[in-house]
PDB file of N, CA and C in Angstrom:
ATOM      1  N   MET A   1     170.956 117.525  87.320  1.00  0.00           N
ATOM      2  CA  MET A   1     169.551 117.176  87.275  1.00  0.00           C
ATOM      3  C   MET A   1     169.437 115.675  87.017  1.00  0.00           C
ATOM      4  N   ASN A   2     168.472 115.108  87.650  1.00  0.00           N
ATOM      5  CA  ASN A   2     168.263 113.681  87.538  1.00  0.00           C
ATOM      6  C   ASN A   2     166.853 113.448  87.003  1.00  0.00           C
ATOM      7  N   TYR A   3     166.746 113.030  85.726  1.00  0.00           N
ATOM      8  CA  TYR A   3     165.441 112.818  85.101  1.00  0.00           C
ATOM      9  C   TYR A   3     165.076 111.344  85.166  1.00  0.00           C
ATOM     10  N   SER A   4     163.782 111.089  85.295  1.00  0.00           N
ATOM     11  CA  SER A   4     163.324 109.697  85.311  1.00  0.00           C
ATOM     12  C   SER A   4     163.364 109.135  83.890  1.00  0.00           C
ATOM     13  N   LEU A   5     163.414 107.843  83.805  1.00  0.00           N
ATOM     14  CA  LEU A   5     163.439 107.160  82.515  1.00  0.00           C
ATOM     15  C   LEU A   5     162.169 107.470  81.723  1.00  0.00           C
ATOM     16  N   ASP A   6     161.029 107.549  82.385  1.00  0.00           N
ATOM     17  CA  ASP A   6     159.773 107.874  81.709  1.00  0.00           C
ATOM     18  C   ASP A   6     159.832 109.260  81.075  1.00  0.00           C
ATOM     19  N   PHE A   7     160.373 110.217  81.790  1.00  0.00           N
ATOM     20  CA  PHE A   7     160.497 111.571  81.271  1.00  0.00           C
ATOM     21  C   PHE A   7     161.393 111.595  80.026  1.00  0.00           C
ATOM     22  N   ILE A   8     162.495 110.907  80.082  1.00  0.00           N
ATOM     23  CA  ILE A   8     163.427 110.861  78.940  1.00  0.00           C
ATOM     24  C   ILE A   8     162.766 110.201  77.733  1.00  0.00           C
ATOM     25  N   ILE A   9     162.012 109.131  77.956  1.00  0.00           N
ATOM     26  CA  ILE A   9     161.315 108.453  76.855  1.00  0.00           C
ATOM     27  C   ILE A   9     160.287 109.377  76.227  1.00  0.00           C
ATOM     28  N   ILE A  10     159.543 110.106  77.033  1.00  0.00           N
ATOM     29  CA  ILE A  10     158.542 111.048  76.516  1.00  0.00           C
ATOM     30  C   ILE A  10     159.225 112.130  75.671  1.00  0.00           C
ATOM     31  N   ILE A  11     160.330 112.671  76.155  1.00  0.00           N
ATOM     32  CA  ILE A  11     161.072 113.696  75.413  1.00  0.00           C
ATOM     33  C   ILE A  11     161.561 113.124  74.088  1.00  0.00           C
ATOM     34  N   LEU A  12     162.113 111.920  74.103  1.00  0.00           N
ATOM     35  CA  LEU A  12     162.599 111.293  72.865  1.00  0.00           C
ATOM     36  C   LEU A  12     161.455 111.045  71.886  1.00  0.00           C
ATOM     37  N   LEU A  13     160.293 110.653  72.375  1.00  0.00           N
ATOM     38  CA  LEU A  13     159.139 110.453  71.508  1.00  0.00           C
ATOM     39  C   LEU A  13     158.699 111.769  70.861  1.00  0.00           C
ATOM     40  N   ILE A  14     158.697 112.836  71.633  1.00  0.00           N
ATOM     41  CA  ILE A  14     158.324 114.157  71.099  1.00  0.00           C
ATOM     42  C   ILE A  14     159.323 114.595  70.030  1.00  0.00           C
ATOM     43  N   ILE A  15     160.600 114.443  70.328  1.00  0.00           N
ATOM     44  CA  ILE A  15     161.632 114.812  69.343  1.00  0.00           C
ATOM     45  C   ILE A  15     161.482 113.959  68.089  1.00  0.00           C
ATOM     46  N   GLY A  16     161.245 112.665  68.260  1.00  0.00           N
ATOM     47  CA  GLY A  16     161.051 111.766  67.119  1.00  0.00           C
ATOM     48  C   GLY A  16     159.866 112.184  66.271  1.00  0.00           C
ATOM     49  N   LYS A  17     158.775 112.576  66.933  1.00  0.00           N
ATOM     50  CA  LYS A  17     157.574 113.001  66.202  1.00  0.00           C
ATOM     51  C   LYS A  17     157.863 114.268  65.398  1.00  0.00           C
ATOM     52  N   ILE A  18     158.588 115.201  65.983  1.00  0.00           N
ATOM     53  CA  ILE A  18     158.952 116.445  65.285  1.00  0.00           C
ATOM     54  C   ILE A  18     159.831 116.126  64.076  1.00  0.00           C
ATOM     55  N   LEU A  19     160.823 115.269  64.270  1.00  0.00           N
ATOM     56  CA  LEU A  19     161.718 114.910  63.168  1.00  0.00           C
ATOM     57  C   LEU A  19     160.962 114.188  62.056  1.00  0.00           C
ATOM     58  N   MET A  20     160.053 113.304  62.415  1.00  0.00           N
ATOM     59  CA  MET A  20     159.263 112.595  61.409  1.00  0.00           C
ATOM     60  C   MET A  20     158.377 113.572  60.640  1.00  0.00           C
ATOM     61  N   SER A  21     157.828 114.548  61.345  1.00  0.00           N
ATOM     62  CA  SER A  21     157.010 115.556  60.689  1.00  0.00           C
ATOM     63  C   SER A  21     157.830 116.314  59.648  1.00  0.00           C
ATOM     64  N   LYS A  22     159.052 116.680  60.009  1.00  0.00           N
ATOM     65  CA  LYS A  22     159.939 117.381  59.072  1.00  0.00           C
ATOM     66  C   LYS A  22     160.291 116.483  57.898  1.00  0.00           C
ATOM     67  N   LEU A  23     160.548 115.208  58.171  1.00  0.00           N
ATOM     68  CA  LEU A  23     160.884 114.257  57.115  1.00  0.00           C
ATOM     69  C   LEU A  23     159.714 114.111  56.157  1.00  0.00           C
ATOM     70  N   PHE A  24     158.492 113.978  56.691  1.00  0.00           N
ATOM     71  CA  PHE A  24     157.328 113.844  55.824  1.00  0.00           C
ATOM     72  C   PHE A  24     157.089 115.109  55.006  1.00  0.00           C
ATOM     73  N   SER A  25     157.357 116.262  55.571  1.00  0.00           N
ATOM     74  CA  SER A  25     157.227 117.511  54.816  1.00  0.00           C
ATOM     75  C   SER A  25     158.214 117.537  53.665  1.00  0.00           C
ATOM     76  N   PHE A  26     159.440 117.124  53.940  1.00  0.00           N
ATOM     77  CA  PHE A  26     160.470 117.074  52.910  1.00  0.00           C
ATOM     78  C   PHE A  26     160.084 116.082  51.812  1.00  0.00           C
ATOM     79  N   LEU A  27     159.604 114.908  52.207  1.00  0.00           N
ATOM     80  CA  LEU A  27     159.196 113.901  51.220  1.00  0.00           C
ATOM     81  C   LEU A  27     158.013 114.385  50.392  1.00  0.00           C
ATOM     82  N   ALA A  28     157.106 115.115  51.004  1.00  0.00           N
ATOM     83  CA  ALA A  28     155.962 115.656  50.263  1.00  0.00           C
ATOM     84  C   ALA A  28     156.420 116.631  49.188  1.00  0.00           C
ATOM     85  N   ILE A  29     157.441 117.406  49.488  1.00  0.00           N
ATOM     86  CA  ILE A  29     157.996 118.335  48.498  1.00  0.00           C
ATOM     87  C   ILE A  29     158.601 117.546  47.352  1.00  0.00           C
ATOM     88  N   LEU A  30     159.359 116.505  47.666  1.00  0.00           N
ATOM     89  CA  LEU A  30     159.970 115.691  46.618  1.00  0.00           C
ATOM     90  C   LEU A  30     158.926 115.038  45.737  1.00  0.00           C
ATOM     91  N   VAL A  31     157.863 114.554  46.327  1.00  0.00           N
ATOM     92  CA  VAL A  31     156.818 113.884  45.571  1.00  0.00           C
ATOM     93  C   VAL A  31     156.081 114.866  44.674  1.00  0.00           C
ATOM     94  N   SER A  32     155.987 116.114  45.072  1.00  0.00           N
ATOM     95  CA  SER A  32     155.248 117.095  44.285  1.00  0.00           C
ATOM     96  C   SER A  32     156.041 117.606  43.091  1.00  0.00           C
ATOM     97  N   VAL A  33     157.354 117.334  43.032  1.00  0.00           N
ATOM     98  CA  VAL A  33     158.170 117.754  41.893  1.00  0.00           C
ATOM     99  C   VAL A  33     157.803 116.877  40.708  1.00  0.00           C
ATOM    100  N   PRO A  34     157.541 117.467  39.540  1.00  0.00           N
ATOM    101  CA  PRO A  34     157.203 116.648  38.381  1.00  0.00           C
ATOM    102  C   PRO A  34     158.354 115.703  38.055  1.00  0.00           C
ATOM    103  N   ILE A  35     158.024 114.452  37.936  1.00  0.00           N
ATOM    104  CA  ILE A  35     159.034 113.455  37.608  1.00  0.00           C
ATOM    105  C   ILE A  35     158.622 112.773  36.320  1.00  0.00           C
ATOM    106  N   VAL A  36     159.506 112.792  35.365  1.00  0.00           N
ATOM    107  CA  VAL A  36     159.281 112.128  34.100  1.00  0.00           C
ATOM    108  C   VAL A  36     160.142 110.890  34.121  1.00  0.00           C
ATOM    109  N   ASN A  37     159.544 109.757  33.870  1.00  0.00           N
ATOM    110  CA  ASN A  37     160.316 108.534  33.942  1.00  0.00           C
ATOM    111  C   ASN A  37     159.761 107.507  32.980  1.00  0.00           C
ATOM    112  N   THR A  38     160.620 107.052  32.101  1.00  0.00           N
ATOM    113  CA  THR A  38     160.272 105.904  31.293  1.00  0.00           C
ATOM    114  C   THR A  38     161.211 104.774  31.669  1.00  0.00           C
ATOM    115  N   HIS A  39     162.487 105.052  31.629  1.00  0.00           N
ATOM    116  CA  HIS A  39     163.474 104.074  32.054  1.00  0.00           C
ATOM    117  C   HIS A  39     164.435 104.681  33.055  1.00  0.00           C
ATOM    118  N   ASN A  40     164.432 105.966  33.172  1.00  0.00           N
ATOM    119  CA  ASN A  40     165.352 106.678  34.052  1.00  0.00           C
ATOM    120  C   ASN A  40     164.573 107.486  35.057  1.00  0.00           C
ATOM    121  N   ILE A  41     165.119 107.660  36.232  1.00  0.00           N
ATOM    122  CA  ILE A  41     164.474 108.473  37.248  1.00  0.00           C
ATOM    123  C   ILE A  41     164.997 109.897  37.110  1.00  0.00           C
ATOM    124  N   ALA A  42     164.090 110.853  37.049  1.00  0.00           N
ATOM    125  CA  ALA A  42     164.481 112.252  36.939  1.00  0.00           C
ATOM    126  C   ALA A  42     164.333 112.917  38.293  1.00  0.00           C
ATOM    127  N   PHE A  43     165.381 113.439  38.826  1.00  0.00           N
ATOM    128  CA  PHE A  43     165.345 114.156  40.087  1.00  0.00           C
ATOM    129  C   PHE A  43     165.230 115.640  39.792  1.00  0.00           C
ATOM    130  N   ALA A  44     164.797 116.403  40.765  1.00  0.00           N
ATOM    131  CA  ALA A  44     164.607 117.837  40.582  1.00  0.00           C
ATOM    132  C   ALA A  44     165.870 118.504  40.065  1.00  0.00           C
ATOM    133  N   ALA A  45     167.027 118.128  40.588  1.00  0.00           N
ATOM    134  CA  ALA A  45     168.281 118.736  40.143  1.00  0.00           C
ATOM    135  C   ALA A  45     168.525 118.452  38.671  1.00  0.00           C
ATOM    136  N   ASP A  46     168.128 117.276  38.171  1.00  0.00           N
ATOM    137  CA  ASP A  46     168.295 116.936  36.764  1.00  0.00           C
ATOM    138  C   ASP A  46     167.486 117.887  35.884  1.00  0.00           C
ATOM    139  N   ILE A  47     166.273 118.173  36.304  1.00  0.00           N
ATOM    140  CA  ILE A  47     165.392 119.049  35.531  1.00  0.00           C
ATOM    141  C   ILE A  47     165.965 120.460  35.491  1.00  0.00           C
ATOM    142  N   ILE A  48     166.447 120.935  36.601  1.00  0.00           N
ATOM    143  CA  ILE A  48     167.020 122.282  36.662  1.00  0.00           C
ATOM    144  C   ILE A  48     168.277 122.361  35.794  1.00  0.00           C
ATOM    145  N   ALA A  49     169.156 121.386  35.928  1.00  0.00           N
ATOM    146  CA  ALA A  49     170.369 121.357  35.096  1.00  0.00           C
ATOM    147  C   ALA A  49     169.991 121.212  33.631  1.00  0.00           C
ATOM    148  N   GLY A  50     168.998 120.368  33.349  1.00  0.00           N
ATOM    149  CA  GLY A  50     168.541 120.181  31.970  1.00  0.00           C
ATOM    150  C   GLY A  50     168.013 121.460  31.353  1.00  0.00           C
ATOM    151  N   GLU A  51     167.311 122.240  32.148  1.00  0.00           N
ATOM    152  CA  GLU A  51     166.787 123.522  31.651  1.00  0.00           C
ATOM    153  C   GLU A  51     167.927 124.468  31.286  1.00  0.00           C
ATOM    154  N   GLN A  52     168.961 124.500  32.111  1.00  0.00           N
ATOM    155  CA  GLN A  52     170.113 125.365  31.832  1.00  0.00           C
ATOM    156  C   GLN A  52     170.846 124.921  30.565  1.00  0.00           C
ATOM    157  N   ILE A  53     171.023 123.634  30.421  1.00  0.00           N
ATOM    158  CA  ILE A  53     171.706 123.106  29.234  1.00  0.00           C
ATOM    159  C   ILE A  53     170.858 123.339  27.993  1.00  0.00           C
ATOM    160  N   PHE A  54     169.548 123.131  28.123  1.00  0.00           N
ATOM    161  CA  PHE A  54     168.628 123.375  27.007  1.00  0.00           C
ATOM    162  C   PHE A  54     168.707 124.835  26.568  1.00  0.00           C
ATOM    163  N   SER A  55     168.669 125.745  27.517  1.00  0.00           N
ATOM    164  CA  SER A  55     168.720 127.176  27.198  1.00  0.00           C
ATOM    165  C   SER A  55     170.011 127.544  26.464  1.00  0.00           C
ATOM    166  N   ALA A  56     171.106 126.932  26.865  1.00  0.00           N
ATOM    167  CA  ALA A  56     172.405 127.258  26.276  1.00  0.00           C
ATOM    168  C   ALA A  56     172.645 126.570  24.936  1.00  0.00           C
ATOM    169  N   ASN A  57     172.033 125.413  24.705  1.00  0.00           N
ATOM    170  CA  ASN A  57     172.387 124.621  23.524  1.00  0.00           C
ATOM    171  C   ASN A  57     171.246 124.309  22.570  1.00  0.00           C
ATOM    172  N   CYS A  58     170.023 124.349  23.042  1.00  0.00           N
ATOM    173  CA  CYS A  58     168.900 123.862  22.239  1.00  0.00           C
ATOM    174  C   CYS A  58     167.869 124.935  21.895  1.00  0.00           C
ATOM    175  N   ALA A  59     167.778 125.948  22.745  1.00  0.00           N
ATOM    176  CA  ALA A  59     166.694 126.927  22.623  1.00  0.00           C
ATOM    177  C   ALA A  59     166.739 127.718  21.315  1.00  0.00           C
ATOM    178  N   ALA A  60     167.904 127.825  20.699  1.00  0.00           N
ATOM    179  CA  ALA A  60     167.976 128.566  19.435  1.00  0.00           C
ATOM    180  C   ALA A  60     167.051 127.952  18.389  1.00  0.00           C
ATOM    181  N   CYS A  61     166.949 126.640  18.371  1.00  0.00           N
ATOM    182  CA  CYS A  61     166.063 125.960  17.420  1.00  0.00           C
ATOM    183  C   CYS A  61     164.755 125.485  18.058  1.00  0.00           C
ATOM    184  N   HIS A  62     164.784 125.225  19.362  1.00  0.00           N
ATOM    185  CA  HIS A  62     163.635 124.587  20.010  1.00  0.00           C
ATOM    186  C   HIS A  62     162.995 125.436  21.103  1.00  0.00           C
ATOM    187  N   SER A  63     163.055 126.731  20.996  1.00  0.00           N
ATOM    188  CA  SER A  63     162.463 127.612  22.004  1.00  0.00           C
ATOM    189  C   SER A  63     160.979 127.305  22.173  1.00  0.00           C
ATOM    190  N   GLY A  64     160.559 127.173  23.415  1.00  0.00           N
ATOM    191  CA  GLY A  64     159.151 126.920  23.711  1.00  0.00           C
ATOM    192  C   GLY A  64     158.652 125.573  23.224  1.00  0.00           C
ATOM    193  N   GLY A  65     159.580 124.655  22.943  1.00  0.00           N
ATOM    194  CA  GLY A  65     159.187 123.338  22.457  1.00  0.00           C
ATOM    195  C   GLY A  65     158.906 123.300  20.967  1.00  0.00           C
ATOM    196  N   ASN A  66     159.198 124.383  20.287  1.00  0.00           N
ATOM    197  CA  ASN A  66     158.983 124.445  18.846  1.00  0.00           C
ATOM    198  C   ASN A  66     160.210 123.921  18.111  1.00  0.00           C
ATOM    199  N   ASN A  67     160.172 123.990  16.787  1.00  0.00           N
ATOM    200  CA  ASN A  67     161.300 123.583  15.958  1.00  0.00           C
ATOM    201  C   ASN A  67     161.420 124.591  14.831  1.00  0.00           C
ATOM    202  N   ALA A  68     162.446 125.405  14.887  1.00  0.00           N
ATOM    203  CA  ALA A  68     162.627 126.471  13.896  1.00  0.00           C
ATOM    204  C   ALA A  68     163.068 125.929  12.538  1.00  0.00           C
ATOM    205  N   ILE A  69     163.670 124.766  12.497  1.00  0.00           N
ATOM    206  CA  ILE A  69     164.184 124.191  11.251  1.00  0.00           C
ATOM    207  C   ILE A  69     163.131 123.321  10.571  1.00  0.00           C
ATOM    208  N   MET A  70     162.502 122.441  11.333  1.00  0.00           N
ATOM    209  CA  MET A  70     161.463 121.549  10.811  1.00  0.00           C
ATOM    210  C   MET A  70     160.211 121.752  11.672  1.00  0.00           C
ATOM    211  N   PRO A  71     159.392 122.739  11.336  1.00  0.00           N
ATOM    212  CA  PRO A  71     158.264 123.135  12.190  1.00  0.00           C
ATOM    213  C   PRO A  71     157.303 122.006  12.569  1.00  0.00           C
ATOM    214  N   GLU A  72     157.222 120.988  11.766  1.00  0.00           N
ATOM    215  CA  GLU A  72     156.306 119.881  12.074  1.00  0.00           C
ATOM    216  C   GLU A  72     156.877 118.927  13.131  1.00  0.00           C
ATOM    217  N   LYS A  73     158.159 119.035  13.451  1.00  0.00           N
ATOM    218  CA  LYS A  73     158.810 118.146  14.429  1.00  0.00           C
ATOM    219  C   LYS A  73     159.092 118.904  15.720  1.00  0.00           C
ATOM    220  N   THR A  74     158.023 119.281  16.400  1.00  0.00           N
ATOM    221  CA  THR A  74     158.171 120.025  17.655  1.00  0.00           C
ATOM    222  C   THR A  74     158.493 119.069  18.803  1.00  0.00           C
ATOM    223  N   LEU A  75     158.678 119.654  19.960  1.00  0.00           N
ATOM    224  CA  LEU A  75     158.919 118.881  21.177  1.00  0.00           C
ATOM    225  C   LEU A  75     157.643 118.785  22.019  1.00  0.00           C
ATOM    226  N   LYS A  76     156.514 118.958  21.373  1.00  0.00           N
ATOM    227  CA  LYS A  76     155.218 118.853  22.047  1.00  0.00           C
ATOM    228  C   LYS A  76     154.895 117.378  22.282  1.00  0.00           C
ATOM    229  N   LYS A  77     154.151 117.109  23.331  1.00  0.00           N
ATOM    230  CA  LYS A  77     153.869 115.749  23.774  1.00  0.00           C
ATOM    231  C   LYS A  77     153.330 114.855  22.654  1.00  0.00           C
ATOM    232  N   ASP A  78     152.312 115.309  21.934  1.00  0.00           N
ATOM    233  CA  ASP A  78     151.702 114.476  20.895  1.00  0.00           C
ATOM    234  C   ASP A  78     152.649 114.203  19.733  1.00  0.00           C
ATOM    235  N   ILE A  79     153.467 115.186  19.385  1.00  0.00           N
ATOM    236  CA  ILE A  79     154.416 115.013  18.274  1.00  0.00           C
ATOM    237  C   ILE A  79     155.551 114.080  18.696  1.00  0.00           C
ATOM    238  N   LEU A  80     156.033 114.231  19.921  1.00  0.00           N
ATOM    239  CA  LEU A  80     157.068 113.309  20.406  1.00  0.00           C
ATOM    240  C   LEU A  80     156.538 111.875  20.385  1.00  0.00           C
ATOM    241  N   ALA A  81     155.315 111.674  20.834  1.00  0.00           N
ATOM    242  CA  ALA A  81     154.722 110.331  20.844  1.00  0.00           C
ATOM    243  C   ALA A  81     154.577 109.784  19.427  1.00  0.00           C
ATOM    244  N   ALA A  82     154.094 110.618  18.521  1.00  0.00           N
ATOM    245  CA  ALA A  82     153.891 110.182  17.134  1.00  0.00           C
ATOM    246  C   ALA A  82     155.204 109.791  16.460  1.00  0.00           C
ATOM    247  N   ASN A  83     156.306 110.403  16.893  1.00  0.00           N
ATOM    248  CA  ASN A  83     157.614 110.120  16.295  1.00  0.00           C
ATOM    249  C   ASN A  83     158.451 109.141  17.123  1.00  0.00           C
ATOM    250  N   GLY A  84     157.831 108.517  18.127  1.00  0.00           N
ATOM    251  CA  GLY A  84     158.551 107.561  18.964  1.00  0.00           C
ATOM    252  C   GLY A  84     159.655 108.198  19.792  1.00  0.00           C
ATOM    253  N   MET A  85     159.488 109.464  20.125  1.00  0.00           N
ATOM    254  CA  MET A  85     160.502 110.213  20.876  1.00  0.00           C
ATOM    255  C   MET A  85     160.017 110.563  22.283  1.00  0.00           C
ATOM    256  N   ASN A  86     159.061 109.835  22.795  1.00  0.00           N
ATOM    257  CA  ASN A  86     158.472 110.152  24.101  1.00  0.00           C
ATOM    258  C   ASN A  86     159.072 109.316  25.234  1.00  0.00           C
ATOM    259  N   SER A  87     160.384 109.132  25.193  1.00  0.00           N
ATOM    260  CA  SER A  87     161.088 108.478  26.303  1.00  0.00           C
ATOM    261  C   SER A  87     162.449 109.146  26.474  1.00  0.00           C
ATOM    262  N   VAL A  88     162.974 109.056  27.659  1.00  0.00           N
ATOM    263  CA  VAL A  88     164.290 109.626  27.935  1.00  0.00           C
ATOM    264  C   VAL A  88     165.334 108.962  27.040  1.00  0.00           C
ATOM    265  N   ASP A  89     165.216 107.642  26.855  1.00  0.00           N
ATOM    266  CA  ASP A  89     166.185 106.922  26.019  1.00  0.00           C
ATOM    267  C   ASP A  89     166.171 107.423  24.576  1.00  0.00           C
ATOM    268  N   ALA A  90     164.985 107.594  24.007  1.00  0.00           N
ATOM    269  CA  ALA A  90     164.881 108.038  22.616  1.00  0.00           C
ATOM    270  C   ALA A  90     165.438 109.454  22.443  1.00  0.00           C
ATOM    271  N   ILE A  91     165.089 110.352  23.358  1.00  0.00           N
ATOM    272  CA  ILE A  91     165.579 111.732  23.264  1.00  0.00           C
ATOM    273  C   ILE A  91     167.083 111.766  23.487  1.00  0.00           C
ATOM    274  N   THR A  92     167.570 110.996  24.455  1.00  0.00           N
ATOM    275  CA  THR A  92     169.012 110.927  24.710  1.00  0.00           C
ATOM    276  C   THR A  92     169.757 110.457  23.467  1.00  0.00           C
ATOM    277  N   ASN A  93     169.221 109.448  22.807  1.00  0.00           N
ATOM    278  CA  ASN A  93     169.844 108.923  21.588  1.00  0.00           C
ATOM    279  C   ASN A  93     169.903 109.990  20.496  1.00  0.00           C
ATOM    280  N   GLN A  94     168.812 110.712  20.300  1.00  0.00           N
ATOM    281  CA  GLN A  94     168.792 111.726  19.247  1.00  0.00           C
ATOM    282  C   GLN A  94     169.723 112.889  19.571  1.00  0.00           C
ATOM    283  N   VAL A  95     169.723 113.333  20.816  1.00  0.00           N
ATOM    284  CA  VAL A  95     170.614 114.440  21.194  1.00  0.00           C
ATOM    285  C   VAL A  95     172.072 113.995  21.043  1.00  0.00           C
ATOM    286  N   THR A  96     172.371 112.781  21.428  1.00  0.00           N
ATOM    287  CA  THR A  96     173.744 112.276  21.348  1.00  0.00           C
ATOM    288  C   THR A  96     174.212 112.127  19.905  1.00  0.00           C
ATOM    289  N   ASN A  97     173.370 111.528  19.064  1.00  0.00           N
ATOM    290  CA  ASN A  97     173.785 111.162  17.704  1.00  0.00           C
ATOM    291  C   ASN A  97     173.304 112.102  16.611  1.00  0.00           C
ATOM    292  N   GLY A  98     172.336 112.958  16.924  1.00  0.00           N
ATOM    293  CA  GLY A  98     171.764 113.832  15.907  1.00  0.00           C
ATOM    294  C   GLY A  98     170.885 113.048  14.953  1.00  0.00           C
ATOM    295  N   LYS A  99     170.175 113.769  14.098  1.00  0.00           N
ATOM    296  CA  LYS A  99     169.324 113.129  13.094  1.00  0.00           C
ATOM    297  C   LYS A  99     168.802 114.215  12.171  1.00  0.00           C
ATOM    298  N   ASN A 100     168.816 113.934  10.882  1.00  0.00           N
ATOM    299  CA  ASN A 100     168.377 114.902   9.882  1.00  0.00           C
ATOM    300  C   ASN A 100     169.131 116.225  10.078  1.00  0.00           C
ATOM    301  N   ALA A 101     168.401 117.309  10.287  1.00  0.00           N
ATOM    302  CA  ALA A 101     169.049 118.619  10.416  1.00  0.00           C
ATOM    303  C   ALA A 101     169.630 118.865  11.811  1.00  0.00           C
ATOM    304  N   MET A 102     169.305 117.999  12.761  1.00  0.00           N
ATOM    305  CA  MET A 102     169.797 118.204  14.131  1.00  0.00           C
ATOM    306  C   MET A 102     171.210 117.645  14.271  1.00  0.00           C
ATOM    307  N   PRO A 103     172.132 118.483  14.724  1.00  0.00           N
ATOM    308  CA  PRO A 103     173.508 118.003  14.899  1.00  0.00           C
ATOM    309  C   PRO A 103     173.633 117.091  16.130  1.00  0.00           C
ATOM    310  N   ALA A 104     174.674 116.298  16.144  1.00  0.00           N
ATOM    311  CA  ALA A 104     174.971 115.437  17.290  1.00  0.00           C
ATOM    312  C   ALA A 104     175.642 116.264  18.379  1.00  0.00           C
ATOM    313  N   PHE A 105     175.198 116.070  19.596  1.00  0.00           N
ATOM    314  CA  PHE A 105     175.794 116.765  20.737  1.00  0.00           C
ATOM    315  C   PHE A 105     176.641 115.824  21.585  1.00  0.00           C
ATOM    316  N   GLY A 106     176.789 114.567  21.150  1.00  0.00           N
ATOM    317  CA  GLY A 106     177.549 113.581  21.905  1.00  0.00           C
ATOM    318  C   GLY A 106     178.989 113.987  22.155  1.00  0.00           C
ATOM    319  N   GLY A 107     179.589 114.701  21.233  1.00  0.00           N
ATOM    320  CA  GLY A 107     180.965 115.142  21.407  1.00  0.00           C
ATOM    321  C   GLY A 107     181.088 116.473  22.129  1.00  0.00           C
ATOM    322  N   ARG A 108     179.966 117.159  22.301  1.00  0.00           N
ATOM    323  CA  ARG A 108     179.986 118.489  22.912  1.00  0.00           C
ATOM    324  C   ARG A 108     179.498 118.514  24.352  1.00  0.00           C
ATOM    325  N   LEU A 109     178.564 117.628  24.665  1.00  0.00           N
ATOM    326  CA  LEU A 109     177.973 117.598  26.013  1.00  0.00           C
ATOM    327  C   LEU A 109     178.293 116.269  26.685  1.00  0.00           C
ATOM    328  N   ALA A 110     178.431 116.304  27.989  1.00  0.00           N
ATOM    329  CA  ALA A 110     178.646 115.081  28.770  1.00  0.00           C
ATOM    330  C   ALA A 110     177.368 114.243  28.747  1.00  0.00           C
ATOM    331  N   GLU A 111     177.517 112.940  28.945  1.00  0.00           N
ATOM    332  CA  GLU A 111     176.354 112.039  28.971  1.00  0.00           C
ATOM    333  C   GLU A 111     175.320 112.486  29.996  1.00  0.00           C
ATOM    334  N   GLU A 112     175.781 112.905  31.164  1.00  0.00           N
ATOM    335  CA  GLU A 112     174.874 113.364  32.217  1.00  0.00           C
ATOM    336  C   GLU A 112     174.100 114.604  31.770  1.00  0.00           C
ATOM    337  N   ASP A 113     174.767 115.513  31.070  1.00  0.00           N
ATOM    338  CA  ASP A 113     174.100 116.718  30.569  1.00  0.00           C
ATOM    339  C   ASP A 113     173.027 116.352  29.552  1.00  0.00           C
ATOM    340  N   ILE A 114     173.343 115.411  28.679  1.00  0.00           N
ATOM    341  CA  ILE A 114     172.374 114.979  27.662  1.00  0.00           C
ATOM    342  C   ILE A 114     171.173 114.313  28.327  1.00  0.00           C
ATOM    343  N   GLU A 115     171.418 113.504  29.324  1.00  0.00           N
ATOM    344  CA  GLU A 115     170.311 112.865  30.038  1.00  0.00           C
ATOM    345  C   GLU A 115     169.463 113.904  30.766  1.00  0.00           C
ATOM    346  N   ASN A 116     170.105 114.915  31.332  1.00  0.00           N
ATOM    347  CA  ASN A 116     169.365 115.989  32.000  1.00  0.00           C
ATOM    348  C   ASN A 116     168.497 116.747  31.003  1.00  0.00           C
ATOM    349  N   VAL A 117     169.028 117.020  29.824  1.00  0.00           N
ATOM    350  CA  VAL A 117     168.247 117.700  28.782  1.00  0.00           C
ATOM    351  C   VAL A 117     167.057 116.837  28.380  1.00  0.00           C
ATOM    352  N   ALA A 118     167.286 115.539  28.211  1.00  0.00           N
ATOM    353  CA  ALA A 118     166.203 114.635  27.822  1.00  0.00           C
ATOM    354  C   ALA A 118     165.099 114.636  28.878  1.00  0.00           C
ATOM    355  N   ASN A 119     165.476 114.584  30.138  1.00  0.00           N
ATOM    356  CA  ASN A 119     164.486 114.638  31.216  1.00  0.00           C
ATOM    357  C   ASN A 119     163.737 115.962  31.207  1.00  0.00           C
ATOM    358  N   TYR A 120     164.452 117.047  30.967  1.00  0.00           N
ATOM    359  CA  TYR A 120     163.818 118.369  30.916  1.00  0.00           C
ATOM    360  C   TYR A 120     162.815 118.446  29.759  1.00  0.00           C
ATOM    361  N   VAL A 121     163.224 118.001  28.582  1.00  0.00           N
ATOM    362  CA  VAL A 121     162.347 118.052  27.403  1.00  0.00           C
ATOM    363  C   VAL A 121     161.083 117.229  27.653  1.00  0.00           C
ATOM    364  N   LEU A 122     161.245 116.029  28.174  1.00  0.00           N
ATOM    365  CA  LEU A 122     160.082 115.186  28.435  1.00  0.00           C
ATOM    366  C   LEU A 122     159.180 115.801  29.506  1.00  0.00           C
ATOM    367  N   SER A 123     159.785 116.387  30.540  1.00  0.00           N
ATOM    368  CA  SER A 123     159.020 117.053  31.583  1.00  0.00           C
ATOM    369  C   SER A 123     158.228 118.224  31.013  1.00  0.00           C
ATOM    370  N   GLN A 124     158.880 119.029  30.206  1.00  0.00           N
ATOM    371  CA  GLN A 124     158.204 120.180  29.606  1.00  0.00           C
ATOM    372  C   GLN A 124     157.093 119.746  28.658  1.00  0.00           C
ATOM    373  N   SER A 125     157.316 118.680  27.905  1.00  0.00           N
ATOM    374  CA  SER A 125     156.282 118.223  26.978  1.00  0.00           C
ATOM    375  C   SER A 125     155.046 117.763  27.748  1.00  0.00           C
ATOM    376  N   GLU A 126     155.264 117.124  28.897  1.00  0.00           N
ATOM    377  CA  GLU A 126     154.142 116.687  29.728  1.00  0.00           C
ATOM    378  C   GLU A 126     153.366 117.875  30.293  1.00  0.00           C
ATOM    379  N   GLN A 127     154.065 118.988  30.498  1.00  0.00           N
ATOM    380  CA  GLN A 127     153.434 120.190  31.072  1.00  0.00           C
ATOM    381  C   GLN A 127     152.925 121.148  29.999  1.00  0.00           C
ATOM    382  N   GLY A 128     153.094 120.800  28.744  1.00  0.00           N
ATOM    383  CA  GLY A 128     152.610 121.646  27.662  1.00  0.00           C
ATOM    384  C   GLY A 128     153.508 122.802  27.295  1.00  0.00           C
ATOM    385  N   TRP A 129     154.761 122.733  27.713  1.00  0.00           N
ATOM    386  CA  TRP A 129     155.739 123.796  27.448  1.00  0.00           C
ATOM    387  C   TRP A 129     155.183 125.107  27.944  1.00  0.00           C
TER     388      TRP A 129
END
């Protein structure tokens, strides 16, 4: 078969339009994922991994954003802000080093896991747990 150059250009334009439509759909999904960011970018995979790590390591004391040991120090948005803990860096520091009754997880969890947990906690606090 011998196609004209005009026909080939039209076909390529149609294919390009379809691909761009798919790309924009994909980007729209990414944009709709809650992203918590103060100094770090949180990707959807970080939040999912953070939730798993939180469930395995933190939920015993912090289920639902509460605090079973020190009830006044919850993971709720207003309390985190009042305690200067409303950033990924601040939460990462506390999870890594511990503070008061909270043990340090720096020796137990990888840095990436701790950052994922911090992103998850901040994301959940923004959503009201």
